[in-house]
C-alpha atoms as a PDB file:
ATOM      1  CA  MET A   1      -4.562  40.862  -9.465  1.00  0.00           C
ATOM      2  CA  VAL A   2      -5.236  37.744  -7.205  1.00  0.00           C
ATOM      3  CA  MET A   3      -4.171  37.878  -3.884  1.00  0.00           C
ATOM      4  CA  ASP A   4      -4.783  35.639  -0.845  1.00  0.00           C
ATOM      5  CA  GLY A   5      -7.946  33.691  -2.633  1.00  0.00           C
ATOM      6  CA  ALA A   6      -9.045  37.145  -4.030  1.00  0.00           C
ATOM      7  CA  VAL A   7     -11.055  36.570  -7.300  1.00  0.00           C
ATOM      8  CA  SER A   8      -9.842  38.503 -10.292  1.00  0.00           C
ATOM      9  CA  ARG A   9     -13.069  40.887 -11.454  1.00  0.00           C
ATOM     10  CA  ASP A  10     -14.528  38.416 -13.792  1.00  0.00           C
ATOM     11  CA  GLY A  11     -14.039  35.609 -11.020  1.00  0.00           C
ATOM     12  CA  SER A  12     -11.782  33.657 -13.029  1.00  0.00           C
ATOM     13  CA  CYS A  13      -9.683  32.423 -10.576  1.00  0.00           C
ATOM     14  CA  GLY A  14     -12.154  31.394  -7.911  1.00  0.00           C
ATOM     15  CA  ILE A  15     -14.210  28.980 -10.299  1.00  0.00           C
ATOM     16  CA  LEU A  16     -11.215  27.342 -11.409  1.00  0.00           C
ATOM     17  CA  LYS A  17     -10.267  26.912  -7.843  1.00  0.00           C
ATOM     18  CA  ARG A  18     -13.356  25.378  -7.285  1.00  0.00           C
ATOM     19  CA  MET A  19     -12.903  22.797 -10.143  1.00  0.00           C
ATOM     20  CA  MET A  20      -9.504  21.748  -9.298  1.00  0.00           C
ATOM     21  CA  ILE A  21     -10.944  21.110  -5.918  1.00  0.00           C
ATOM     22  CA  LYS A  22     -13.957  19.648  -7.057  1.00  0.00           C
ATOM     23  CA  ILE A  23     -11.897  17.486  -9.327  1.00  0.00           C
ATOM     24  CA  LEU A  24      -9.385  16.628  -6.687  1.00  0.00           C
ATOM     25  CA  ARG A  25     -12.718  16.104  -4.430  1.00  0.00           C
ATOM     26  CA  ASP A  26     -13.858  13.381  -7.135  1.00  0.00           C
ATOM     27  CA  ALA A  27     -11.052  11.695  -7.538  1.00  0.00           C
ATOM     28  CA  VAL A  28     -10.325  10.791  -3.677  1.00  0.00           C
ATOM     29  CA  GLN A  29     -13.655   9.523  -3.395  1.00  0.00           C
ATOM     30  CA  GLN A  30     -13.501   7.578  -6.375  1.00  0.00           C
ATOM     31  CA  ALA A  31     -10.338   6.409  -4.873  1.00  0.00           C
ATOM     32  CA  GLU A  32     -12.244   4.842  -1.632  1.00  0.00           C
ATOM     33  CA  THR A  33     -13.851   2.247  -3.588  1.00  0.00           C
ATOM     34  CA  TRP A  34     -10.210   0.826  -5.394  1.00  0.00           C
ATOM     35  CA  PRO A  35      -8.469  -2.285  -4.090  1.00  0.00           C
ATOM     36  CA  GLN A  36      -5.676  -0.761  -0.737  1.00  0.00           C
ATOM     37  CA  GLU A  37      -3.032  -1.759  -2.832  1.00  0.00           C
ATOM     38  CA  ASP A  38      -3.965   1.179  -5.219  1.00  0.00           C
ATOM     39  CA  GLN A  39      -4.904   3.038  -2.427  1.00  0.00           C
ATOM     40  CA  GLU A  40      -1.843   3.005  -1.270  1.00  0.00           C
ATOM     41  CA  GLU A  41      -0.067   4.113  -4.900  1.00  0.00           C
ATOM     42  CA  LEU A  42      -2.200   6.630  -4.821  1.00  0.00           C
ATOM     43  CA  ALA A  43      -1.099   7.526  -1.711  1.00  0.00           C
ATOM     44  CA  GLU A  44       2.946   7.520  -2.352  1.00  0.00           C
ATOM     45  CA  TYR A  45       2.154   9.391  -5.323  1.00  0.00           C
ATOM     46  CA  ALA A  46       0.438  12.496  -2.882  1.00  0.00           C
ATOM     47  CA  ARG A  47       4.096  11.727  -0.802  1.00  0.00           C
ATOM     48  CA  GLU A  48       6.304  12.061  -4.010  1.00  0.00           C
ATOM     49  CA  ILE A  49       4.389  15.144  -5.111  1.00  0.00           C
ATOM     50  CA  GLU A  50       4.629  16.865  -1.601  1.00  0.00           C
ATOM     51  CA  ALA A  51       8.290  15.728  -1.233  1.00  0.00           C
ATOM     52  CA  ARG A  52       9.166  17.461  -4.736  1.00  0.00           C
ATOM     53  CA  ARG A  53       7.331  20.675  -3.574  1.00  0.00           C
ATOM     54  CA  THR A  54       8.323  21.049   0.370  1.00  0.00           C
ATOM     55  CA  GLY A  55      11.735  19.009   0.207  1.00  0.00           C
ATOM     56  CA  VAL A  56      10.752  17.120   3.018  1.00  0.00           C
ATOM     57  CA  TYR A  57       9.660  13.319   2.362  1.00  0.00           C
ATOM     58  CA  ILE A  58       7.817  11.594   4.854  1.00  0.00           C
ATOM     59  CA  MET A  59       8.699   7.915   4.946  1.00  0.00           C
ATOM     60  CA  SER A  60       5.423   5.309   5.210  1.00  0.00           C
ATOM     61  CA  ASP A  61       5.246   2.529   7.733  1.00  0.00           C
ATOM     62  CA  GLU A  62       6.667   0.185   5.110  1.00  0.00           C
ATOM     63  CA  GLU A  63       9.554   2.325   4.218  1.00  0.00           C
ATOM     64  CA  ARG A  64      10.351   3.094   7.976  1.00  0.00           C
ATOM     65  CA  ALA A  65      10.101  -0.546   8.565  1.00  0.00           C
ATOM     66  CA  ALA A  66      12.504  -1.492   5.980  1.00  0.00           C
ATOM     67  CA  VAL A  67      14.920   1.092   7.315  1.00  0.00           C
ATOM     68  CA  ARG A  68      14.775  -0.860  10.729  1.00  0.00           C
ATOM     69  CA  ARG A  69      15.655  -3.942   9.368  1.00  0.00           C
ATOM     70  CA  GLY A  70      18.270  -2.792   7.426  1.00  0.00           C
ATOM     71  CA  LEU A  71      19.949  -0.590  10.065  1.00  0.00           C
ATOM     72  CA  ALA A  72      19.261  -3.671  12.828  1.00  0.00           C
ATOM     73  CA  GLN A  73      21.337  -6.063   9.413  1.00  0.00           C
ATOM     74  CA  ALA A  74      24.130  -3.519   9.583  1.00  0.00           C
ATOM     75  CA  ASP A  75      24.564  -3.958  13.670  1.00  0.00           C
ATOM     76  CA  ARG A  76      24.780  -7.522  13.327  1.00  0.00           C
ATOM     77  CA  GLY A  77      27.519  -7.087  10.482  1.00  0.00           C
ATOM     78  CA  GLU A  78      24.989  -8.418   7.405  1.00  0.00           C
ATOM     79  CA  PHE A  79      26.264  -6.561   4.558  1.00  0.00           C
ATOM     80  CA  VAL A  80      25.942  -7.734   0.988  1.00  0.00           C
ATOM     81  CA  PRO A  81      29.669  -9.145  -0.425  1.00  0.00           C
ATOM     82  CA  ASP A  82      31.773  -6.809  -2.404  1.00  0.00           C
ATOM     83  CA  GLU A  83      31.734  -9.053  -5.246  1.00  0.00           C
ATOM     84  CA  LEU A  84      27.779  -8.581  -5.237  1.00  0.00           C
ATOM     85  CA  VAL A  85      28.142  -4.819  -4.995  1.00  0.00           C
ATOM     86  CA  ALA A  86      30.325  -5.088  -7.504  1.00  0.00           C
ATOM     87  CA  GLU A  87      28.158  -6.825 -10.264  1.00  0.00           C
ATOM     88  CA  ALA A  88      25.432  -4.417  -9.588  1.00  0.00           C
ATOM     89  CA  ASP A  89      27.981  -1.529 -10.328  1.00  0.00           C
ATOM     90  CA  LYS A  90      28.956  -3.159 -13.712  1.00  0.00           C
ATOM     91  CA  ARG A  91      24.967  -3.419 -14.309  1.00  0.00           C
ATOM     92  CA  HIS A  92      23.919   0.045 -13.715  1.00  0.00           C
ATOM     93  CA  ASP A  93      26.794   1.526 -15.405  1.00  0.00           C
ATOM     94  CA  GLN A  94      25.603  -0.198 -18.755  1.00  0.00           C
END
């Protein structure tokens, strides 16, 4: 039985954990050479995985700014016309 990171008699759980940690570290190290756009995409995947595991999604700065812009538009009474919403609903139902 393995508890709190303890290793089974044959050491297999500890070995697997170390292998996974190395794989993850290697992937992150490789990602450091990628263009910023690709690094941001990887970070977004990580946020989505964390949200799925914890039930808490942490918005990126870009998402937070978009929400602020949307709320400011709503405060100014700037809404999408009902006709446009109806058209989008029709496309979604197909």
